[in-house]
Amino acid sequence: MSRAMSELAGTISRRRFLVRTASAAVAAAAAGVIGAPHVARAKAPFTLPPLPYADDALQPTISATTMGFHYGKHHKGYLDNLNKLLADTPDLAELGLEELIKTTAVNPNRVAIFNNAAQVWNHTFYWQSMRPKGGGKPSGPLLQRIEADFGGWDPFVAEFSKAALTQFGSGWAWLVVDGGKLKAVKTSNADTPIVQGKPPLITIDVWEHAYYLDYQNRRGDYIKAWLETVVNWDFAAEQLSRVKA
């Protein structure tokens, strides 16, 4: 094993212990976890929220190694960049994360802030869109809405998978509420449906860093495994219950 990989393994092991230690507190605060993504501070400087599960909890669908890079490097990197940018823009530093995203999305002079803020939000939502021993079909009102709006469960799976698979390059696929109906949509790079007024219920990250260590170029296998084993339908149902009719 190379020195770099040895160091990474040690880092992951140490962080796994910390995540597990924090998991009880996270579970106890579940009412605060479910809903719109939050960070540990409502305003800048933002801090990285804990994962809602241990970093090896989604194996084998998503490995602890992928989580170590994705959460510990990419997500944290977006957050660190955002805080640096906001240190030089005090007029925006008092905004909450979602308000910050919506404000900078329409300002071509704030593209860097938007990209990093939206990626912080998207990733936080992505972690909550998954859970250990998830996947399969939801139940209750959510399943009824999916079947009504997509014409059945299988058409939903096909439509959502198509959105995730055909997103060219980096981006996301989402299940959203749009015009009173559930729809599968995709966004590029850091774009997010919250700036389009489309409340999301779940999202899958299809940037390569989300799956390449585990699946290489087999994005379709990642999408299939994600839907079958880790998608968090309880979280999606909670989001749906919060959407105003």
C-alpha atoms as a PDB file:
ATOM      1  CA  MET A   1       0.000   0.000   0.000  1.00  0.00           C
ATOM      2  CA  SER A   2       1.323   3.447  -0.898  1.00  0.00           C
ATOM      3  CA  ARG A   3       2.114   5.994   1.780  1.00  0.00           C
ATOM      4  CA  ALA A   4      -0.750   8.207   0.560  1.00  0.00           C
ATOM      5  CA  MET A   5      -3.263   5.380   0.813  1.00  0.00           C
ATOM      6  CA  SER A   6      -1.953   4.390   4.257  1.00  0.00           C
ATOM      7  CA  GLU A   7      -2.409   7.942   5.474  1.00  0.00           C
ATOM      8  CA  LEU A   8      -5.906   8.030   3.996  1.00  0.00           C
ATOM      9  CA  ALA A   9      -6.837   4.750   5.701  1.00  0.00           C
ATOM     10  CA  GLY A  10      -5.664   6.149   9.027  1.00  0.00           C
ATOM     11  CA  THR A  11      -7.623   9.334   8.518  1.00  0.00           C
ATOM     12  CA  ILE A  12     -10.768   7.400   7.631  1.00  0.00           C
ATOM     13  CA  SER A  13     -10.416   5.156  10.690  1.00  0.00           C
ATOM     14  CA  ARG A  14     -10.015   8.129  13.015  1.00  0.00           C
ATOM     15  CA  ARG A  15     -12.935   9.962  11.426  1.00  0.00           C
ATOM     16  CA  ARG A  16     -15.088   6.796  11.550  1.00  0.00           C
ATOM     17  CA  PHE A  17     -14.685   6.758  15.337  1.00  0.00           C
ATOM     18  CA  LEU A  18     -15.662  10.417  15.577  1.00  0.00           C
ATOM     19  CA  VAL A  19     -18.663   9.938  13.318  1.00  0.00           C
ATOM     20  CA  ARG A  20     -19.888   6.974  15.331  1.00  0.00           C
ATOM     21  CA  THR A  21     -19.456   8.945  18.551  1.00  0.00           C
ATOM     22  CA  ALA A  22     -21.544  11.756  17.111  1.00  0.00           C
ATOM     23  CA  SER A  23     -24.189   9.489  15.608  1.00  0.00           C
ATOM     24  CA  ALA A  24     -26.196   9.190  18.812  1.00  0.00           C
ATOM     25  CA  ALA A  25     -26.435  12.949  19.090  1.00  0.00           C
ATOM     26  CA  VAL A  26     -27.428  13.183  15.469  1.00  0.00           C
ATOM     27  CA  ALA A  27     -30.163  10.591  15.914  1.00  0.00           C
ATOM     28  CA  ALA A  28     -31.459  12.354  19.001  1.00  0.00           C
ATOM     29  CA  ALA A  29     -31.754  15.521  16.959  1.00  0.00           C
ATOM     30  CA  ALA A  30     -33.529  13.774  14.076  1.00  0.00           C
ATOM     31  CA  ALA A  31     -36.294  16.346  13.980  1.00  0.00           C
ATOM     32  CA  GLY A  32     -33.664  18.944  13.203  1.00  0.00           C
ATOM     33  CA  VAL A  33     -31.927  16.733  10.646  1.00  0.00           C
ATOM     34  CA  ILE A  34     -35.042  16.002   8.603  1.00  0.00           C
ATOM     35  CA  GLY A  35     -36.113  18.936   6.490  1.00  0.00           C
ATOM     36  CA  ALA A  36     -34.166  21.553   4.637  1.00  0.00           C
ATOM     37  CA  PRO A  37     -30.403  20.973   4.906  1.00  0.00           C
ATOM     38  CA  HIS A  38     -28.698  22.797   7.707  1.00  0.00           C
ATOM     39  CA  VAL A  39     -25.142  23.524   8.656  1.00  0.00           C
ATOM     40  CA  ALA A  40     -23.909  23.851  12.183  1.00  0.00           C
ATOM     41  CA  ARG A  41     -24.191  27.638  12.004  1.00  0.00           C
ATOM     42  CA  ALA A  42     -27.113  29.479  10.434  1.00  0.00           C
ATOM     43  CA  LYS A  43     -24.806  32.166   9.083  1.00  0.00           C
ATOM     44  CA  ALA A  44     -21.177  32.459   8.006  1.00  0.00           C
ATOM     45  CA  PRO A  45     -18.722  31.184   8.919  1.00  0.00           C
ATOM     46  CA  PHE A  46     -20.496  27.899   8.291  1.00  0.00           C
ATOM     47  CA  THR A  47     -19.277  24.645   9.790  1.00  0.00           C
ATOM     48  CA  LEU A  48     -19.520  21.149   8.361  1.00  0.00           C
ATOM     49  CA  PRO A  49     -22.595  19.237   9.592  1.00  0.00           C
ATOM     50  CA  PRO A  50     -21.994  15.659  10.723  1.00  0.00           C
ATOM     51  CA  LEU A  51     -23.043  12.768   8.552  1.00  0.00           C
ATOM     52  CA  PRO A  52     -26.331  11.229   9.735  1.00  0.00           C
ATOM     53  CA  TYR A  53     -24.634   7.795   9.869  1.00  0.00           C
ATOM     54  CA  ALA A  54     -21.165   6.283  10.118  1.00  0.00           C
ATOM     55  CA  ASP A  55     -19.017   6.614   7.001  1.00  0.00           C
ATOM     56  CA  ASP A  56     -19.042   2.847   6.443  1.00  0.00           C
ATOM     57  CA  ALA A  57     -22.805   2.488   7.002  1.00  0.00           C
ATOM     58  CA  LEU A  58     -23.740   2.494   3.301  1.00  0.00           C
ATOM     59  CA  GLN A  59     -21.352  -0.274   2.265  1.00  0.00           C
ATOM     60  CA  PRO A  60     -21.158  -2.033  -0.113  1.00  0.00           C
ATOM     61  CA  THR A  61     -23.176   0.432  -2.204  1.00  0.00           C
ATOM     62  CA  ILE A  62     -20.957   3.341  -1.168  1.00  0.00           C
ATOM     63  CA  SER A  63     -17.630   2.483   0.426  1.00  0.00           C
ATOM     64  CA  ALA A  64     -16.065   4.149   3.435  1.00  0.00           C
ATOM     65  CA  THR A  65     -13.203   5.184   1.161  1.00  0.00           C
ATOM     66  CA  THR A  66     -15.584   7.038  -1.140  1.00  0.00           C
ATOM     67  CA  MET A  67     -17.249   8.662   1.860  1.00  0.00           C
ATOM     68  CA  GLY A  68     -13.866   9.707   3.188  1.00  0.00           C
ATOM     69  CA  PHE A  69     -13.045  11.575   0.000  1.00  0.00           C
ATOM     70  CA  HIS A  70     -16.541  12.772  -0.831  1.00  0.00           C
ATOM     71  CA  TYR A  71     -17.567  14.086   2.576  1.00  0.00           C
ATOM     72  CA  GLY A  72     -14.174  14.788   4.117  1.00  0.00           C
ATOM     73  CA  LYS A  73     -12.548  16.357   1.050  1.00  0.00           C
ATOM     74  CA  HIS A  74     -15.132  17.532  -1.490  1.00  0.00           C
ATOM     75  CA  HIS A  75     -17.982  18.647   0.774  1.00  0.00           C
ATOM     76  CA  LYS A  76     -15.597  20.200   3.281  1.00  0.00           C
ATOM     77  CA  GLY A  77     -13.695  21.856   0.441  1.00  0.00           C
ATOM     78  CA  TYR A  78     -16.829  23.589  -0.836  1.00  0.00           C
ATOM     79  CA  LEU A  79     -17.624  24.789   2.663  1.00  0.00           C
ATOM     80  CA  ASP A  80     -14.102  26.080   3.302  1.00  0.00           C
ATOM     81  CA  ASN A  81     -14.103  27.903  -0.034  1.00  0.00           C
ATOM     82  CA  LEU A  82     -17.480  29.448   0.757  1.00  0.00           C
ATOM     83  CA  ASN A  83     -16.286  30.776   4.098  1.00  0.00           C
ATOM     84  CA  LYS A  84     -13.202  32.296   2.461  1.00  0.00           C
ATOM     85  CA  LEU A  85     -15.323  34.007  -0.166  1.00  0.00           C
ATOM     86  CA  LEU A  86     -17.796  35.328   2.393  1.00  0.00           C
ATOM     87  CA  ALA A  87     -14.980  36.784   4.491  1.00  0.00           C
ATOM     88  CA  ASP A  88     -14.475  39.246   1.632  1.00  0.00           C
ATOM     89  CA  THR A  89     -18.186  39.930   1.094  1.00  0.00           C
ATOM     90  CA  PRO A  90     -19.629  41.055   4.442  1.00  0.00           C
ATOM     91  CA  ASP A  91     -22.862  42.143   2.741  1.00  0.00           C
ATOM     92  CA  LEU A  92     -23.675  38.463   2.130  1.00  0.00           C
ATOM     93  CA  ALA A  93     -22.186  36.948   5.272  1.00  0.00           C
ATOM     94  CA  GLU A  94     -25.341  37.532   7.326  1.00  0.00           C
ATOM     95  CA  LEU A  95     -27.559  35.496   5.003  1.00  0.00           C
ATOM     96  CA  GLY A  96     -28.644  31.961   5.783  1.00  0.00           C
ATOM     97  CA  LEU A  97     -27.438  29.299   3.357  1.00  0.00           C
ATOM     98  CA  GLU A  98     -30.632  28.934   1.327  1.00  0.00           C
ATOM     99  CA  GLU A  99     -31.164  32.696   1.096  1.00  0.00           C
ATOM    100  CA  LEU A 100     -27.522  33.083   0.086  1.00  0.00           C
ATOM    101  CA  ILE A 101     -27.990  30.577  -2.752  1.00  0.00           C
ATOM    102  CA  LYS A 102     -31.118  32.254  -4.073  1.00  0.00           C
ATOM    103  CA  THR A 103     -29.522  35.701  -3.875  1.00  0.00           C
ATOM    104  CA  THR A 104     -26.309  34.781  -5.683  1.00  0.00           C
ATOM    105  CA  ALA A 105     -28.018  32.596  -8.315  1.00  0.00           C
ATOM    106  CA  VAL A 106     -29.242  35.725 -10.110  1.00  0.00           C
ATOM    107  CA  ASN A 107     -26.001  37.691  -9.729  1.00  0.00           C
ATOM    108  CA  PRO A 108     -23.352  36.981 -12.407  1.00  0.00           C
ATOM    109  CA  ASN A 109     -20.739  38.638 -10.197  1.00  0.00           C
ATOM    110  CA  ARG A 110     -21.278  36.077  -7.444  1.00  0.00           C
ATOM    111  CA  VAL A 111     -20.871  32.841  -9.405  1.00  0.00           C
ATOM    112  CA  ALA A 112     -18.121  31.465  -7.166  1.00  0.00           C
ATOM    113  CA  ILE A 113     -20.171  32.067  -4.033  1.00  0.00           C
ATOM    114  CA  PHE A 114     -23.229  30.468  -5.615  1.00  0.00           C
ATOM    115  CA  ASN A 115     -21.296  27.408  -6.784  1.00  0.00           C
ATOM    116  CA  ASN A 116     -19.792  26.707  -3.380  1.00  0.00           C
ATOM    117  CA  ALA A 117     -22.912  27.542  -1.369  1.00  0.00           C
ATOM    118  CA  ALA A 118     -25.132  25.421  -3.604  1.00  0.00           C
ATOM    119  CA  GLN A 119     -22.714  22.505  -3.408  1.00  0.00           C
ATOM    120  CA  VAL A 120     -22.745  22.703   0.383  1.00  0.00           C
ATOM    121  CA  TRP A 121     -26.568  22.606   0.295  1.00  0.00           C
ATOM    122  CA  ASN A 122     -26.763  19.876  -2.343  1.00  0.00           C
ATOM    123  CA  HIS A 123     -24.328  17.610  -0.527  1.00  0.00           C
ATOM    124  CA  THR A 124     -26.077  18.035   2.803  1.00  0.00           C
ATOM    125  CA  PHE A 125     -29.353  17.092   1.109  1.00  0.00           C
ATOM    126  CA  TYR A 126     -27.674  14.136  -0.617  1.00  0.00           C
ATOM    127  CA  TRP A 127     -26.421  12.652   2.676  1.00  0.00           C
ATOM    128  CA  GLN A 128     -29.943  12.879   4.076  1.00  0.00           C
ATOM    129  CA  SER A 129     -31.370  11.295   0.914  1.00  0.00           C
ATOM    130  CA  MET A 130     -29.664   8.041   1.943  1.00  0.00           C
ATOM    131  CA  ARG A 131     -29.786   5.704   4.915  1.00  0.00           C
ATOM    132  CA  PRO A 132     -28.437   2.278   5.838  1.00  0.00           C
ATOM    133  CA  LYS A 133     -30.774  -0.519   4.698  1.00  0.00           C
ATOM    134  CA  GLY A 134     -32.770   1.873   2.586  1.00  0.00           C
ATOM    135  CA  GLY A 135     -33.958   1.475  -0.973  1.00  0.00           C
ATOM    136  CA  GLY A 136     -36.873  -0.372  -2.465  1.00  0.00           C
ATOM    137  CA  LYS A 137     -40.350   1.109  -2.613  1.00  0.00           C
ATOM    138  CA  PRO A 138     -41.682   3.769  -0.257  1.00  0.00           C
ATOM    139  CA  SER A 139     -45.136   3.378   1.229  1.00  0.00           C
ATOM    140  CA  GLY A 140     -48.206   5.437   2.020  1.00  0.00           C
ATOM    141  CA  PRO A 141     -48.911   8.827   0.430  1.00  0.00           C
ATOM    142  CA  LEU A 142     -45.479   9.081  -1.186  1.00  0.00           C
ATOM    143  CA  LEU A 143     -45.880   5.832  -3.110  1.00  0.00           C
ATOM    144  CA  GLN A 144     -49.406   6.841  -4.099  1.00  0.00           C
ATOM    145  CA  ARG A 145     -48.128  10.164  -5.467  1.00  0.00           C
ATOM    146  CA  ILE A 146     -45.278   8.493  -7.340  1.00  0.00           C
ATOM    147  CA  GLU A 147     -47.602   5.961  -8.939  1.00  0.00           C
ATOM    148  CA  ALA A 148     -50.163   8.629  -9.845  1.00  0.00           C
ATOM    149  CA  ASP A 149     -47.697  11.169 -11.265  1.00  0.00           C
ATOM    150  CA  PHE A 150     -45.385   8.733 -13.087  1.00  0.00           C
ATOM    151  CA  GLY A 151     -47.955   6.128 -14.063  1.00  0.00           C
ATOM    152  CA  GLY A 152     -46.545   3.451 -11.778  1.00  0.00           C
ATOM    153  CA  TRP A 153     -43.458   2.477  -9.805  1.00  0.00           C
ATOM    154  CA  ASP A 154     -41.481   1.049 -12.716  1.00  0.00           C
ATOM    155  CA  PRO A 155     -42.002   4.170 -14.875  1.00  0.00           C
ATOM    156  CA  PHE A 156     -40.721   6.270 -11.970  1.00  0.00           C
ATOM    157  CA  VAL A 157     -37.590   4.149 -11.606  1.00  0.00           C
ATOM    158  CA  ALA A 158     -37.004   4.391 -15.351  1.00  0.00           C
ATOM    159  CA  GLU A 159     -37.526   8.162 -15.436  1.00  0.00           C
ATOM    160  CA  PHE A 160     -35.387   8.921 -12.387  1.00  0.00           C
ATOM    161  CA  SER A 161     -32.635   6.594 -13.576  1.00  0.00           C
ATOM    162  CA  LYS A 162     -32.709   8.204 -17.018  1.00  0.00           C
ATOM    163  CA  ALA A 163     -32.329  11.675 -15.507  1.00  0.00           C
ATOM    164  CA  ALA A 164     -29.336  10.517 -13.460  1.00  0.00           C
ATOM    165  CA  LEU A 165     -27.725   8.552 -16.291  1.00  0.00           C
ATOM    166  CA  THR A 166     -28.152  11.169 -19.025  1.00  0.00           C
ATOM    167  CA  GLN A 167     -26.904  14.141 -17.014  1.00  0.00           C
ATOM    168  CA  PHE A 168     -23.918  15.004 -19.182  1.00  0.00           C
ATOM    169  CA  GLY A 169     -20.824  15.547 -17.091  1.00  0.00           C
ATOM    170  CA  SER A 170     -21.154  16.583 -13.469  1.00  0.00           C
ATOM    171  CA  GLY A 171     -24.476  17.175 -11.789  1.00  0.00           C
ATOM    172  CA  TRP A 172     -27.449  15.791  -9.919  1.00  0.00           C
ATOM    173  CA  ALA A 173     -30.776  14.045 -10.432  1.00  0.00           C
ATOM    174  CA  TRP A 174     -33.726  14.958  -8.240  1.00  0.00           C
ATOM    175  CA  LEU A 175     -37.252  13.957  -7.386  1.00  0.00           C
ATOM    176  CA  VAL A 176     -39.035  17.293  -7.053  1.00  0.00           C
ATOM    177  CA  VAL A 177     -42.484  18.805  -6.735  1.00  0.00           C
ATOM    178  CA  ASP A 178     -43.149  20.917  -9.811  1.00  0.00           C
ATOM    179  CA  GLY A 179     -46.540  22.472 -10.479  1.00  0.00           C
ATOM    180  CA  GLY A 180     -48.163  20.208  -7.917  1.00  0.00           C
ATOM    181  CA  LYS A 181     -46.764  17.011  -9.470  1.00  0.00           C
ATOM    182  CA  LEU A 182     -43.743  14.865  -8.747  1.00  0.00           C
ATOM    183  CA  LYS A 183     -41.126  14.953 -11.484  1.00  0.00           C
ATOM    184  CA  ALA A 184     -37.617  13.626 -12.064  1.00  0.00           C
ATOM    185  CA  VAL A 185     -35.234  16.389 -13.113  1.00  0.00           C
ATOM    186  CA  LYS A 186     -31.503  16.832 -13.525  1.00  0.00           C
ATOM    187  CA  THR A 187     -29.236  19.808 -12.877  1.00  0.00           C
ATOM    188  CA  SER A 188     -25.682  20.538 -14.002  1.00  0.00           C
ATOM    189  CA  ASN A 189     -22.716  21.194 -11.756  1.00  0.00           C
ATOM    190  CA  ALA A 190     -23.893  23.105  -8.656  1.00  0.00           C
ATOM    191  CA  ASP A 191     -27.362  24.013  -9.910  1.00  0.00           C
ATOM    192  CA  THR A 192     -30.190  23.153  -7.548  1.00  0.00           C
ATOM    193  CA  PRO A 193     -33.985  23.076  -7.919  1.00  0.00           C
ATOM    194  CA  ILE A 194     -34.514  25.342  -4.912  1.00  0.00           C
ATOM    195  CA  VAL A 195     -33.626  28.337  -7.087  1.00  0.00           C
ATOM    196  CA  GLN A 196     -36.307  27.255  -9.551  1.00  0.00           C
ATOM    197  CA  GLY A 197     -39.027  27.034  -6.906  1.00  0.00           C
ATOM    198  CA  LYS A 198     -39.182  23.222  -7.163  1.00  0.00           C
ATOM    199  CA  PRO A 199     -38.986  21.664  -3.686  1.00  0.00           C
ATOM    200  CA  PRO A 200     -36.777  18.548  -3.812  1.00  0.00           C
ATOM    201  CA  LEU A 201     -37.620  15.285  -2.069  1.00  0.00           C
ATOM    202  CA  ILE A 202     -34.407  13.340  -2.756  1.00  0.00           C
ATOM    203  CA  THR A 203     -31.269  13.714  -4.831  1.00  0.00           C
ATOM    204  CA  ILE A 204     -28.528  11.475  -6.198  1.00  0.00           C
ATOM    205  CA  ASP A 205     -25.091  12.934  -6.824  1.00  0.00           C
ATOM    206  CA  VAL A 206     -23.742  11.942 -10.248  1.00  0.00           C
ATOM    207  CA  TRP A 207     -20.484  13.859 -10.105  1.00  0.00           C
ATOM    208  CA  GLU A 208     -17.771  11.279 -10.743  1.00  0.00           C
ATOM    209  CA  HIS A 209     -16.306  11.698  -7.276  1.00  0.00           C
ATOM    210  CA  ALA A 210     -19.574  10.271  -5.880  1.00  0.00           C
ATOM    211  CA  TYR A 211     -19.103   6.849  -7.445  1.00  0.00           C
ATOM    212  CA  TYR A 212     -15.868   6.452  -9.428  1.00  0.00           C
ATOM    213  CA  LEU A 213     -13.786   4.742  -6.734  1.00  0.00           C
ATOM    214  CA  ASP A 214     -16.502   2.092  -6.357  1.00  0.00           C
ATOM    215  CA  TYR A 215     -17.973   1.812  -9.866  1.00  0.00           C
ATOM    216  CA  GLN A 216     -15.412   3.430 -12.206  1.00  0.00           C
ATOM    217  CA  ASN A 217     -17.337   4.445 -15.354  1.00  0.00           C
ATOM    218  CA  ARG A 218     -20.403   2.285 -14.544  1.00  0.00           C
ATOM    219  CA  ARG A 219     -22.700   5.107 -13.497  1.00  0.00           C
ATOM    220  CA  GLY A 220     -25.753   2.985 -14.291  1.00  0.00           C
ATOM    221  CA  ASP A 221     -24.701   0.343 -11.742  1.00  0.00           C
ATOM    222  CA  TYR A 222     -24.290   3.046  -9.089  1.00  0.00           C
ATOM    223  CA  ILE A 223     -27.749   4.462  -9.826  1.00  0.00           C
ATOM    224  CA  LYS A 224     -29.368   1.009  -9.696  1.00  0.00           C
ATOM    225  CA  ALA A 225     -27.679   0.080  -6.419  1.00  0.00           C
ATOM    226  CA  TRP A 226     -28.514   3.486  -4.942  1.00  0.00           C
ATOM    227  CA  LEU A 227     -32.229   3.083  -5.637  1.00  0.00           C
ATOM    228  CA  GLU A 228     -32.313  -0.533  -4.475  1.00  0.00           C
ATOM    229  CA  THR A 229     -30.313  -0.254  -1.253  1.00  0.00           C
ATOM    230  CA  VAL A 230     -29.726   3.223   0.200  1.00  0.00           C
ATOM    231  CA  VAL A 231     -32.308   5.816  -0.920  1.00  0.00           C
ATOM    232  CA  ASN A 232     -34.065   7.227   2.146  1.00  0.00           C
ATOM    233  CA  TRP A 233     -37.799   7.248   1.392  1.00  0.00           C
ATOM    234  CA  ASP A 234     -38.631   8.310   4.957  1.00  0.00           C
ATOM    235  CA  PHE A 235     -36.728  11.526   4.336  1.00  0.00           C
ATOM    236  CA  ALA A 236     -38.481  12.005   0.996  1.00  0.00           C
ATOM    237  CA  ALA A 237     -41.899  11.495   2.602  1.00  0.00           C
ATOM    238  CA  GLU A 238     -41.040  14.071   5.245  1.00  0.00           C
ATOM    239  CA  GLN A 239     -40.082  16.577   2.539  1.00  0.00           C
ATOM    240  CA  LEU A 240     -43.338  15.923   0.711  1.00  0.00           C
ATOM    241  CA  SER A 241     -45.340  16.536   3.895  1.00  0.00           C
ATOM    242  CA  ARG A 242     -43.702  19.957   4.186  1.00  0.00           C
ATOM    243  CA  VAL A 243     -44.625  21.093   0.688  1.00  0.00           C
ATOM    244  CA  LYS A 244     -47.592  23.416   0.674  1.00  0.00           C
ATOM    245  CA  ALA A 245     -50.439  22.163  -1.493  1.00  0.00           C
END
